Structure formats: C-alpha cells, structure tokens
C-alpha cells in the first residue's frame, strides 16, 4: 500500500513540475546585436535581436527609450584555419 501511495505522490509531483511555465529564449543567436526597449511607466521591457551592427541598432533606437548591446548568445561563424605553409621542391 505504501508503494502505491508513494508512486501517486511522485506522479503528482512530476505532473506539477511539468506544468510550470517555461521561458522561451530571449536572444536570437543569428544576430550579433540586440536592442532592449523600455516600454511604459511600469518598467516593461522587451529585447529585439535583429541587428547586424551596433550603428544599425543605434539608428533604430534613436528617439526611443532603448539601448543597444552585444548579443551574448550570438553563434558566430566558425573561423577558417590558417592555410598550411608548404615548401615546394624545385627540380634542378
């Protein structure tokens, strides 16, 4: 009987944990610059990560209660390795 009670308790606990709200990722990893827009008198804000450069973001933020910053989750393109130095043999 105890096993049945404990299994019911754990099932309810698991169901409660799975029903908690989750938070979507705020930052879009495809763009290197994000703008945080402060909206309304009660301090609401939202983040827009659709900018390829800081000047582009500043132009969009101009005249608004907004600030631009570097996207901490930007997935930069992988760097290409430096070409290997090859020695050529010359036929004499």
N, C-alpha and C. Protein backbone atom coordinates (compact mmCIF):
# COMPACT_ATOMS: atom_id res chain seq x y z
N UNK A 1 0.82 -1.19 0.00
CA UNK A 1 0.00 0.00 0.00
C UNK A 1 0.87 1.26 0.00
N UNK A 2 2.00 1.21 0.75
CA UNK A 2 2.88 2.36 0.78
C UNK A 2 3.47 2.65 -0.60
N UNK A 3 3.79 1.60 -1.33
CA UNK A 3 4.35 1.78 -2.67
C UNK A 3 3.35 2.51 -3.56
N UNK A 4 2.10 2.16 -3.46
CA UNK A 4 1.05 2.80 -4.25
C UNK A 4 0.90 4.27 -3.87
N UNK A 5 0.96 4.59 -2.60
CA UNK A 5 0.84 5.98 -2.14
C UNK A 5 2.04 6.80 -2.63
N UNK A 6 3.25 6.25 -2.43
CA UNK A 6 4.45 6.97 -2.87
C UNK A 6 4.49 7.14 -4.38
N UNK A 7 4.04 6.16 -5.11
CA UNK A 7 4.04 6.31 -6.56
C UNK A 7 3.03 7.37 -6.98
N UNK A 8 1.92 7.47 -6.28
CA UNK A 8 0.95 8.54 -6.57
C UNK A 8 1.51 9.91 -6.24
N UNK A 9 2.23 10.02 -5.12
CA UNK A 9 2.83 11.29 -4.73
C UNK A 9 3.87 11.72 -5.77
N UNK A 10 4.74 10.81 -6.18
CA UNK A 10 5.75 11.15 -7.18
C UNK A 10 5.12 11.50 -8.53
N UNK A 11 4.06 10.83 -8.89
CA UNK A 11 3.37 11.14 -10.14
C UNK A 11 2.79 12.55 -10.10
N UNK A 12 2.17 12.91 -8.99
CA UNK A 12 1.61 14.26 -8.85
C UNK A 12 2.71 15.32 -8.84
N UNK A 13 3.82 15.01 -8.20
CA UNK A 13 4.95 15.93 -8.16
C UNK A 13 5.52 16.14 -9.57
N UNK A 14 5.68 15.07 -10.31
CA UNK A 14 6.19 15.16 -11.69
C UNK A 14 5.23 15.96 -12.56
N UNK A 15 3.95 15.74 -12.40
CA UNK A 15 2.94 16.47 -13.17
C UNK A 15 2.99 17.96 -12.83
N UNK A 16 3.16 18.29 -11.56
CA UNK A 16 3.24 19.69 -11.14
C UNK A 16 4.47 20.37 -11.73
N UNK A 17 5.60 19.68 -11.74
CA UNK A 17 6.83 20.25 -12.29
C UNK A 17 6.71 20.47 -13.79
N UNK A 18 6.10 19.53 -14.49
CA UNK A 18 5.96 19.66 -15.94
C UNK A 18 4.97 20.75 -16.32
N UNK A 19 4.07 21.12 -15.44
CA UNK A 19 3.08 22.13 -15.78
C UNK A 19 3.54 23.55 -15.47
N UNK A 20 4.75 23.71 -14.90
CA UNK A 20 5.27 25.04 -14.62
C UNK A 20 5.55 25.77 -15.93
N UNK A 21 5.35 27.07 -15.96
CA UNK A 21 5.61 27.80 -17.21
C UNK A 21 7.11 27.82 -17.51
N UNK A 22 7.42 27.75 -18.79
CA UNK A 22 8.81 27.82 -19.22
C UNK A 22 9.05 29.14 -19.92
N UNK A 23 10.29 29.54 -20.00
CA UNK A 23 10.63 30.80 -20.63
C UNK A 23 11.34 30.52 -21.95
N UNK A 24 10.85 31.15 -23.01
CA UNK A 24 11.48 30.99 -24.32
C UNK A 24 12.79 31.76 -24.34
N UNK A 25 13.66 31.39 -25.25
CA UNK A 25 14.94 32.09 -25.36
C UNK A 25 14.69 33.50 -25.86
N UNK A 26 15.22 34.49 -25.16
CA UNK A 26 15.01 35.90 -25.47
C UNK A 26 15.91 36.36 -26.61
N UNK A 27 17.11 35.85 -26.66
CA UNK A 27 18.10 36.32 -27.63
C UNK A 27 18.11 35.42 -28.86
N UNK A 28 18.09 36.04 -30.04
CA UNK A 28 18.17 35.29 -31.29
C UNK A 28 19.64 35.08 -31.61
N UNK A 29 20.12 33.84 -31.65
CA UNK A 29 21.55 33.60 -31.85
C UNK A 29 22.05 33.90 -33.27
N UNK A 30 21.16 34.28 -34.18
CA UNK A 30 21.58 34.57 -35.56
C UNK A 30 22.11 35.99 -35.75
N UNK A 31 21.87 36.88 -34.79
CA UNK A 31 22.27 38.28 -34.94
C UNK A 31 23.19 38.70 -33.80
N UNK A 32 24.25 39.49 -34.09
CA UNK A 32 25.23 39.82 -33.07
C UNK A 32 24.84 40.97 -32.14
N UNK A 33 23.82 41.77 -32.50
CA UNK A 33 23.47 42.94 -31.70
C UNK A 33 21.99 42.91 -31.33
N UNK A 34 21.70 43.26 -30.07
CA UNK A 34 20.32 43.31 -29.58
C UNK A 34 19.99 44.70 -29.06
N UNK A 35 18.71 45.06 -29.17
CA UNK A 35 18.22 46.31 -28.62
C UNK A 35 17.22 45.98 -27.52
N UNK A 36 17.43 46.57 -26.35
CA UNK A 36 16.49 46.43 -25.25
C UNK A 36 15.63 47.68 -25.24
N UNK A 37 14.32 47.50 -25.38
CA UNK A 37 13.38 48.62 -25.42
C UNK A 37 12.63 48.65 -24.10
N UNK A 38 12.67 49.81 -23.45
CA UNK A 38 11.97 50.01 -22.18
C UNK A 38 10.63 50.65 -22.51
N UNK A 39 9.56 49.98 -22.13
CA UNK A 39 8.24 50.39 -22.57
C UNK A 39 7.33 50.65 -21.38
N UNK A 40 6.69 51.78 -21.37
CA UNK A 40 5.66 52.06 -20.38
C UNK A 40 6.19 52.58 -19.06
N UNK A 41 5.31 53.16 -18.27
CA UNK A 41 5.71 53.75 -17.00
C UNK A 41 5.97 52.72 -15.89
N UNK A 42 5.58 51.47 -16.11
CA UNK A 42 5.74 50.46 -15.08
C UNK A 42 6.96 49.58 -15.31
N UNK A 43 7.84 49.97 -16.21
CA UNK A 43 9.11 49.27 -16.38
C UNK A 43 9.09 48.03 -17.25
N UNK A 44 8.09 47.90 -18.13
CA UNK A 44 8.10 46.76 -19.04
C UNK A 44 9.23 46.90 -20.05
N UNK A 45 9.78 45.80 -20.48
CA UNK A 45 10.85 45.85 -21.48
C UNK A 45 10.78 44.62 -22.37
N UNK A 46 11.34 44.75 -23.58
CA UNK A 46 11.46 43.62 -24.48
C UNK A 46 12.76 43.75 -25.24
N UNK A 47 13.24 42.63 -25.74
CA UNK A 47 14.54 42.57 -26.41
C UNK A 47 14.33 42.18 -27.87
N UNK A 48 14.96 42.95 -28.75
CA UNK A 48 14.87 42.72 -30.19
C UNK A 48 16.27 42.45 -30.72
N UNK A 49 16.54 41.22 -31.13
CA UNK A 49 17.87 40.85 -31.65
C UNK A 49 17.80 40.65 -33.16
N UNK A 50 17.64 41.72 -33.89
CA UNK A 50 17.58 41.65 -35.35
C UNK A 50 18.56 42.60 -36.00
N UNK A 51 19.69 42.85 -35.38
CA UNK A 51 20.63 43.84 -35.88
C UNK A 51 21.99 43.22 -36.17
N UNK A 52 22.57 43.65 -37.28
CA UNK A 52 23.86 43.10 -37.69
C UNK A 52 25.04 43.97 -37.24
N UNK A 53 24.75 45.21 -36.78
CA UNK A 53 25.82 46.08 -36.30
C UNK A 53 25.27 47.01 -35.24
N UNK A 54 26.19 47.55 -34.43
CA UNK A 54 25.79 48.49 -33.38
C UNK A 54 25.26 49.79 -33.98
N UNK A 55 25.89 50.37 -35.04
CA UNK A 55 25.32 51.59 -35.63
C UNK A 55 23.90 51.37 -36.18
N UNK A 56 23.64 50.22 -36.75
CA UNK A 56 22.29 49.92 -37.24
C UNK A 56 21.30 49.92 -36.08
N UNK A 57 21.68 49.33 -34.97
CA UNK A 57 20.82 49.29 -33.79
C UNK A 57 20.62 50.70 -33.23
N UNK A 58 21.70 51.50 -33.15
CA UNK A 58 21.59 52.87 -32.64
C UNK A 58 20.64 53.70 -33.50
N UNK A 59 20.66 53.50 -34.80
CA UNK A 59 19.75 54.24 -35.68
C UNK A 59 18.30 53.88 -35.37
N UNK A 60 18.04 52.63 -35.08
CA UNK A 60 16.68 52.20 -34.76
C UNK A 60 16.27 52.64 -33.36
N UNK A 61 17.23 52.72 -32.44
CA UNK A 61 16.93 53.10 -31.06
C UNK A 61 16.82 54.60 -30.87
N UNK A 62 17.23 55.38 -31.86
CA UNK A 62 17.25 56.83 -31.75
C UNK A 62 15.86 57.37 -31.43
N UNK A 63 15.76 58.18 -30.39
CA UNK A 63 14.50 58.80 -30.00
C UNK A 63 13.59 57.90 -29.18
N UNK A 64 14.06 56.73 -28.83
CA UNK A 64 13.26 55.79 -28.03
C UNK A 64 13.96 55.53 -26.71
N UNK A 65 13.20 55.01 -25.77
CA UNK A 65 13.79 54.57 -24.51
C UNK A 65 14.35 53.18 -24.75
N UNK A 66 15.54 53.13 -25.37
CA UNK A 66 16.13 51.86 -25.76
C UNK A 66 17.64 51.93 -25.65
N UNK A 67 18.25 50.76 -25.60
CA UNK A 67 19.70 50.68 -25.51
C UNK A 67 20.18 49.47 -26.30
N UNK A 68 21.32 49.59 -26.95
CA UNK A 68 21.87 48.51 -27.76
C UNK A 68 23.00 47.81 -27.03
N UNK A 69 23.15 46.53 -27.30
CA UNK A 69 24.22 45.77 -26.68
C UNK A 69 24.56 44.55 -27.50
N UNK A 70 25.68 43.95 -27.17
CA UNK A 70 26.15 42.75 -27.86
C UNK A 70 25.32 41.55 -27.40
N UNK A 71 24.92 40.72 -28.34
CA UNK A 71 24.14 39.52 -28.06
C UNK A 71 25.06 38.47 -27.42
N UNK A 72 24.81 38.09 -26.17
CA UNK A 72 25.69 37.12 -25.52
C UNK A 72 25.54 35.70 -26.07
N UNK A 73 24.50 35.45 -26.86
CA UNK A 73 24.27 34.11 -27.40
C UNK A 73 24.48 34.05 -28.91
N UNK A 74 25.18 35.05 -29.47
CA UNK A 74 25.41 35.07 -30.91
C UNK A 74 26.27 33.89 -31.31
N UNK A 75 25.79 33.13 -32.28
CA UNK A 75 26.54 31.97 -32.79
C UNK A 75 27.34 32.43 -33.99
N UNK A 76 28.57 32.88 -33.74
CA UNK A 76 29.40 33.41 -34.81
C UNK A 76 29.82 32.30 -35.77
N UNK A 77 30.16 32.72 -36.97
CA UNK A 77 30.61 31.77 -37.97
C UNK A 77 31.94 31.17 -37.52
N UNK A 78 32.13 29.90 -37.77
CA UNK A 78 33.39 29.28 -37.35
C UNK A 78 34.56 29.88 -38.13
N UNK A 79 35.66 30.07 -37.45
CA UNK A 79 36.85 30.63 -38.09
C UNK A 79 37.51 29.59 -38.97
N UNK A 80 38.00 30.05 -40.10
CA UNK A 80 38.71 29.17 -41.02
C UNK A 80 40.15 29.02 -40.52
N UNK A 81 40.67 27.82 -40.55
CA UNK A 81 42.06 27.65 -40.12
C UNK A 81 43.01 28.33 -41.10
N UNK A 82 44.13 28.77 -40.60
CA UNK A 82 45.13 29.42 -41.45
C UNK A 82 45.67 28.39 -42.44
N UNK A 83 45.94 28.83 -43.67
CA UNK A 83 46.47 27.88 -44.65
C UNK A 83 47.84 27.36 -44.21
N UNK A 84 48.05 26.10 -44.44
CA UNK A 84 49.31 25.48 -44.07
C UNK A 84 50.40 25.96 -45.02
N UNK A 85 51.57 26.19 -44.46
CA UNK A 85 52.71 26.62 -45.28
C UNK A 85 53.32 25.38 -45.92
N UNK A 86 53.45 25.44 -47.22
CA UNK A 86 54.03 24.29 -47.94
C UNK A 86 55.35 24.70 -48.56
N UNK A 87 56.29 23.81 -48.49
CA UNK A 87 57.56 24.03 -49.16
C UNK A 87 57.51 23.29 -50.49
N UNK A 88 57.86 24.01 -51.49
CA UNK A 88 57.86 23.39 -52.82
C UNK A 88 59.30 22.97 -53.16
N UNK A 89 59.39 21.81 -53.73
CA UNK A 89 60.70 21.34 -54.19
C UNK A 89 60.86 21.74 -55.65
N UNK A 90 61.97 22.32 -55.90
CA UNK A 90 62.26 22.73 -57.27
C UNK A 90 63.20 21.72 -57.91
N UNK A 91 62.90 21.37 -59.12
CA UNK A 91 63.79 20.44 -59.84
C UNK A 91 64.97 21.21 -60.38
N UNK A 92 66.17 20.73 -60.13
CA UNK A 92 67.38 21.39 -60.61
C UNK A 92 67.91 20.71 -61.79
